[in-house]
C-alpha atoms as a PDB file:
ATOM      1  CA  UNK A   1     -23.550 -12.728   9.347  1.00  0.00           C
ATOM      2  CA  UNK A   2     -19.991 -12.208   8.004  1.00  0.00           C
ATOM      3  CA  UNK A   3     -18.297  -8.800   9.172  1.00  0.00           C
ATOM      4  CA  UNK A   4     -15.605  -7.368   7.360  1.00  0.00           C
ATOM      5  CA  UNK A   5     -13.032  -4.523   8.421  1.00  0.00           C
ATOM      6  CA  UNK A   6     -10.940  -3.066   6.076  1.00  0.00           C
ATOM      7  CA  UNK A   7      -7.816  -1.595   7.677  1.00  0.00           C
ATOM      8  CA  UNK A   8      -4.683   1.129   6.590  1.00  0.00           C
ATOM      9  CA  UNK A   9      -3.082   3.940   8.409  1.00  0.00           C
ATOM     10  CA  UNK A  10      -5.374   6.806   8.497  1.00  0.00           C
ATOM     11  CA  UNK A  11      -8.414   5.405   7.054  1.00  0.00           C
ATOM     12  CA  UNK A  12      -8.507   8.073   4.050  1.00  0.00           C
ATOM     13  CA  UNK A  13      -6.931   6.330   1.083  1.00  0.00           C
ATOM     14  CA  UNK A  14      -6.661   2.336   0.993  1.00  0.00           C
ATOM     15  CA  UNK A  15      -9.238   1.006   3.514  1.00  0.00           C
ATOM     16  CA  UNK A  16     -12.106   3.428   2.550  1.00  0.00           C
ATOM     17  CA  UNK A  17     -11.370   2.175  -1.319  1.00  0.00           C
ATOM     18  CA  UNK A  18     -11.750  -1.394  -0.147  1.00  0.00           C
ATOM     19  CA  UNK A  19     -14.834  -0.857   1.984  1.00  0.00           C
ATOM     20  CA  UNK A  20     -16.532   1.378  -1.408  1.00  0.00           C
ATOM     21  CA  UNK A  21     -15.159  -1.488  -3.584  1.00  0.00           C
ATOM     22  CA  UNK A  22     -16.309  -4.676  -1.496  1.00  0.00           C
ATOM     23  CA  UNK A  23     -19.913  -2.851  -0.790  1.00  0.00           C
ATOM     24  CA  UNK A  24     -20.640  -2.893  -4.522  1.00  0.00           C
ATOM     25  CA  UNK A  25     -19.640  -6.195  -5.154  1.00  0.00           C
ATOM     26  CA  UNK A  26     -21.650  -7.615  -2.212  1.00  0.00           C
ATOM     27  CA  UNK A  27     -24.683  -5.538  -3.342  1.00  0.00           C
ATOM     28  CA  UNK A  28     -24.569  -6.804  -6.980  1.00  0.00           C
ATOM     29  CA  UNK A  29     -23.804 -10.267  -5.721  1.00  0.00           C
ATOM     30  CA  UNK A  30     -27.305 -10.040  -3.344  1.00  0.00           C
ATOM     31  CA  UNK A  31     -25.228 -10.580  -0.335  1.00  0.00           C
ATOM     32  CA  UNK A  32     -26.425  -7.401   1.292  1.00  0.00           C
ATOM     33  CA  UNK A  33     -28.060  -9.443   4.122  1.00  0.00           C
ATOM     34  CA  UNK A  34     -25.224 -11.803   4.892  1.00  0.00           C
ATOM     35  CA  UNK A  35     -22.239  -9.478   4.908  1.00  0.00           C
ATOM     36  CA  UNK A  36     -21.344  -6.225   7.128  1.00  0.00           C
ATOM     37  CA  UNK A  37     -18.146  -3.768   5.908  1.00  0.00           C
ATOM     38  CA  UNK A  38     -16.926  -1.075   7.493  1.00  0.00           C
ATOM     39  CA  UNK A  39     -13.237   0.484   7.199  1.00  0.00           C
ATOM     40  CA  UNK A  40     -10.807   2.139  10.216  1.00  0.00           C
ATOM     41  CA  UNK A  41      -7.199   3.421  10.369  1.00  0.00           C
ATOM     42  CA  UNK A  42      -4.978   2.390  12.649  1.00  0.00           C
ATOM     43  CA  UNK A  43      -3.748   6.031  13.775  1.00  0.00           C
ATOM     44  CA  UNK A  44      -6.351   8.765  14.335  1.00  0.00           C
ATOM     45  CA  UNK A  45      -4.854  11.196  11.908  1.00  0.00           C
ATOM     46  CA  UNK A  46      -7.944  11.635   9.974  1.00  0.00           C
ATOM     47  CA  UNK A  47     -10.705  10.838  12.229  1.00  0.00           C
ATOM     48  CA  UNK A  48     -14.239  12.437  11.184  1.00  0.00           C
ATOM     49  CA  UNK A  49     -12.822  12.899   7.742  1.00  0.00           C
ATOM     50  CA  UNK A  50     -14.498  11.853   4.342  1.00  0.00           C
ATOM     51  CA  UNK A  51     -11.320   9.800   1.889  1.00  0.00           C
ATOM     52  CA  UNK A  52      -8.917  11.961   0.452  1.00  0.00           C
ATOM     53  CA  UNK A  53     -10.397  13.578  -3.000  1.00  0.00           C
ATOM     54  CA  UNK A  54      -7.764  11.645  -5.093  1.00  0.00           C
ATOM     55  CA  UNK A  55      -9.277   8.499  -4.105  1.00  0.00           C
ATOM     56  CA  UNK A  56     -12.856   9.569  -4.264  1.00  0.00           C
ATOM     57  CA  UNK A  57     -11.932  10.433  -8.058  1.00  0.00           C
ATOM     58  CA  UNK A  58     -10.073   7.565  -8.823  1.00  0.00           C
ATOM     59  CA  UNK A  59     -12.987   5.440  -7.282  1.00  0.00           C
ATOM     60  CA  UNK A  60     -15.615   7.582  -9.175  1.00  0.00           C
ATOM     61  CA  UNK A  61     -14.023   6.618 -12.491  1.00  0.00           C
ATOM     62  CA  UNK A  62     -14.721   2.927 -11.695  1.00  0.00           C
ATOM     63  CA  UNK A  63     -18.386   3.411 -10.203  1.00  0.00           C
ATOM     64  CA  UNK A  64     -17.588   3.347  -6.682  1.00  0.00           C
ATOM     65  CA  UNK A  65     -18.804   6.195  -4.368  1.00  0.00           C
ATOM     66  CA  UNK A  66     -16.779   6.660  -1.227  1.00  0.00           C
ATOM     67  CA  UNK A  67     -18.396  10.041  -0.521  1.00  0.00           C
ATOM     68  CA  UNK A  68     -20.292   8.969   2.415  1.00  0.00           C
ATOM     69  CA  UNK A  69     -17.386   7.588   4.335  1.00  0.00           C
ATOM     70  CA  UNK A  70     -15.862   8.898   7.524  1.00  0.00           C
ATOM     71  CA  UNK A  71     -12.765   8.135   9.054  1.00  0.00           C
ATOM     72  CA  UNK A  72     -12.359   6.184  12.117  1.00  0.00           C
ATOM     73  CA  UNK A  73     -10.052   4.585  14.034  1.00  0.00           C
ATOM     74  CA  UNK A  74     -10.047   1.053  14.969  1.00  0.00           C
ATOM     75  CA  UNK A  75     -11.515   0.850  18.437  1.00  0.00           C
ATOM     76  CA  UNK A  76     -10.948  -2.864  20.847  1.00  0.00           C
ATOM     77  CA  UNK A  77     -14.588  -3.567  20.010  1.00  0.00           C
ATOM     78  CA  UNK A  78     -13.611  -4.070  16.312  1.00  0.00           C
ATOM     79  CA  UNK A  79     -11.429  -7.229  17.317  1.00  0.00           C
ATOM     80  CA  UNK A  80     -14.249  -8.794  18.657  1.00  0.00           C
ATOM     81  CA  UNK A  81     -17.016  -7.645  16.413  1.00  0.00           C
ATOM     82  CA  UNK A  82     -15.654  -8.407  13.376  1.00  0.00           C
ATOM     83  CA  UNK A  83     -14.883 -11.751  11.222  1.00  0.00           C
ATOM     84  CA  UNK A  84     -11.987 -10.489   9.089  1.00  0.00           C
ATOM     85  CA  UNK A  85      -9.737  -7.854   9.840  1.00  0.00           C
ATOM     86  CA  UNK A  86      -7.856  -7.107   7.140  1.00  0.00           C
ATOM     87  CA  UNK A  87      -4.673  -4.782   6.856  1.00  0.00           C
ATOM     88  CA  UNK A  88      -3.480  -3.240   3.689  1.00  0.00           C
ATOM     89  CA  UNK A  89       0.093  -3.435   4.209  1.00  0.00           C
ATOM     90  CA  UNK A  90       2.932  -5.292   6.633  1.00  0.00           C
ATOM     91  CA  UNK A  91       2.927  -2.399   8.993  1.00  0.00           C
ATOM     92  CA  UNK A  92      -0.874  -2.330   9.779  1.00  0.00           C
ATOM     93  CA  UNK A  93      -0.847  -5.480   9.927  1.00  0.00           C
ATOM     94  CA  UNK A  94       1.846  -5.381  12.844  1.00  0.00           C
ATOM     95  CA  UNK A  95       0.031  -2.513  14.525  1.00  0.00           C
ATOM     96  CA  UNK A  96      -3.313  -4.896  14.738  1.00  0.00           C
ATOM     97  CA  UNK A  97      -1.328  -7.727  16.026  1.00  0.00           C
ATOM     98  CA  UNK A  98       0.098  -5.571  18.949  1.00  0.00           C
ATOM     99  CA  UNK A  99      -3.532  -4.686  19.727  1.00  0.00           C
ATOM    100  CA  UNK A 100      -5.305  -7.830  19.402  1.00  0.00           C
ATOM    101  CA  UNK A 101      -6.346  -9.825  22.299  1.00  0.00           C
ATOM    102  CA  UNK A 102      -4.793 -13.535  22.104  1.00  0.00           C
ATOM    103  CA  UNK A 103      -8.477 -15.268  21.330  1.00  0.00           C
ATOM    104  CA  UNK A 104      -8.998 -12.806  17.691  1.00  0.00           C
ATOM    105  CA  UNK A 105      -5.524 -12.901  16.273  1.00  0.00           C
ATOM    106  CA  UNK A 106      -6.675 -15.399  13.737  1.00  0.00           C
ATOM    107  CA  UNK A 107      -9.163 -12.911  12.446  1.00  0.00           C
ATOM    108  CA  UNK A 108      -6.227 -10.483  11.244  1.00  0.00           C
ATOM    109  CA  UNK A 109      -4.578 -10.956   7.606  1.00  0.00           C
ATOM    110  CA  UNK A 110      -3.395  -8.873   4.719  1.00  0.00           C
ATOM    111  CA  UNK A 111      -6.339  -8.038   1.974  1.00  0.00           C
ATOM    112  CA  UNK A 112      -4.062  -9.133  -0.631  1.00  0.00           C
ATOM    113  CA  UNK A 113      -4.472 -12.923   0.700  1.00  0.00           C
ATOM    114  CA  UNK A 114      -7.461 -12.980  -0.995  1.00  0.00           C
ATOM    115  CA  UNK A 115      -6.292 -11.614  -4.734  1.00  0.00           C
ATOM    116  CA  UNK A 116      -6.005 -13.993  -7.963  1.00  0.00           C
ATOM    117  CA  UNK A 117      -4.558 -11.907 -10.521  1.00  0.00           C
ATOM    118  CA  UNK A 118      -1.317  -9.662  -8.105  1.00  0.00           C
ATOM    119  CA  UNK A 119       1.343 -11.149  -6.827  1.00  0.00           C
ATOM    120  CA  UNK A 120       2.027  -8.173  -4.312  1.00  0.00           C
ATOM    121  CA  UNK A 121       1.323  -8.916  -0.537  1.00  0.00           C
ATOM    122  CA  UNK A 122       0.336  -5.717  -0.097  1.00  0.00           C
ATOM    123  CA  UNK A 123      -1.608  -2.740  -0.985  1.00  0.00           C
ATOM    124  CA  UNK A 124       0.994   0.496  -1.519  1.00  0.00           C
ATOM    125  CA  UNK A 125       0.199   3.355  -0.080  1.00  0.00           C
ATOM    126  CA  UNK A 126      -0.888   5.831  -2.518  1.00  0.00           C
ATOM    127  CA  UNK A 127      -0.957   8.936  -0.514  1.00  0.00           C
ATOM    128  CA  UNK A 128       2.194  10.911  -1.062  1.00  0.00           C
ATOM    129  CA  UNK A 129       2.459   9.948  -5.045  1.00  0.00           C
ATOM    130  CA  UNK A 130       0.461  11.093  -8.172  1.00  0.00           C
ATOM    131  CA  UNK A 131      -3.038  10.384  -9.249  1.00  0.00           C
ATOM    132  CA  UNK A 132      -2.000   6.741 -10.535  1.00  0.00           C
ATOM    133  CA  UNK A 133      -1.113   5.123  -6.727  1.00  0.00           C
ATOM    134  CA  UNK A 134      -4.918   5.376  -6.398  1.00  0.00           C
ATOM    135  CA  UNK A 135      -5.644   3.499  -9.838  1.00  0.00           C
ATOM    136  CA  UNK A 136      -2.927   0.990  -8.744  1.00  0.00           C
ATOM    137  CA  UNK A 137      -4.734   0.546  -5.414  1.00  0.00           C
ATOM    138  CA  UNK A 138      -8.040   0.002  -7.364  1.00  0.00           C
ATOM    139  CA  UNK A 139      -6.670  -2.635  -9.403  1.00  0.00           C
ATOM    140  CA  UNK A 140      -5.154  -4.792  -6.476  1.00  0.00           C
ATOM    141  CA  UNK A 141      -8.453  -3.680  -4.229  1.00  0.00           C
ATOM    142  CA  UNK A 142     -10.511  -5.072  -7.170  1.00  0.00           C
ATOM    143  CA  UNK A 143      -8.710  -8.081  -7.336  1.00  0.00           C
ATOM    144  CA  UNK A 144      -8.825  -9.206  -3.573  1.00  0.00           C
ATOM    145  CA  UNK A 145     -12.251  -8.236  -2.634  1.00  0.00           C
ATOM    146  CA  UNK A 146     -13.185 -10.618  -5.969  1.00  0.00           C
ATOM    147  CA  UNK A 147     -11.275 -13.395  -4.021  1.00  0.00           C
ATOM    148  CA  UNK A 148     -12.961 -12.064  -1.002  1.00  0.00           C
ATOM    149  CA  UNK A 149     -16.184 -12.450  -2.275  1.00  0.00           C
ATOM    150  CA  UNK A 150     -16.530 -15.947  -2.953  1.00  0.00           C
ATOM    151  CA  UNK A 151     -15.185 -16.617   0.444  1.00  0.00           C
ATOM    152  CA  UNK A 152     -18.152 -14.883   1.657  1.00  0.00           C
ATOM    153  CA  UNK A 153     -20.547 -16.315  -0.749  1.00  0.00           C
ATOM    154  CA  UNK A 154     -19.735 -19.654   0.896  1.00  0.00           C
ATOM    155  CA  UNK A 155     -19.525 -18.573   4.029  1.00  0.00           C
ATOM    156  CA  UNK A 156     -23.412 -17.503   3.425  1.00  0.00           C
ATOM    157  CA  UNK A 157     -24.299 -20.587   1.613  1.00  0.00           C
ATOM    158  CA  UNK A 158     -22.896 -22.822   4.080  1.00  0.00           C
ATOM    159  CA  UNK A 159     -24.510 -20.776   7.044  1.00  0.00           C
ATOM    160  CA  UNK A 160     -28.100 -20.938   5.261  1.00  0.00           C
ATOM    161  CA  UNK A 161     -27.621 -24.905   4.766  1.00  0.00           C
ATOM    162  CA  UNK A 162     -26.879 -25.401   8.748  1.00  0.00           C
END
């Protein structure tokens, strides 16, 4: 099983969007038994809250339901328990690197390293902008998650063959 954790600052915009997009892609690829997915924030600002309504509305227009997700903060056990911990931007990656025990730092990456179409290194934070920012997040996240699904599929095939 490959365990993937998506991380942004408050876990109400970008990381739950990535979780919802990737969850649907995993389901459509028939990899639900091979992949575990979650999201979290580096800060505790919104713990227990649903994703931002604007993120939910933008996601629903593309067929992703984020309504049942609740924000949580990254826990120390996450560094041990997840195989890939994917930050949305440099700031959150830096915060993760500071918290992460030495033996697990290889698990930390920017989500956009898996993108094939967009050259951006990070997923921009849409929180203080208008609704178009949430569509941009979806564009970037869909692209990166498509590359990530290929990685997860290869891992699942590799483990099945072993």
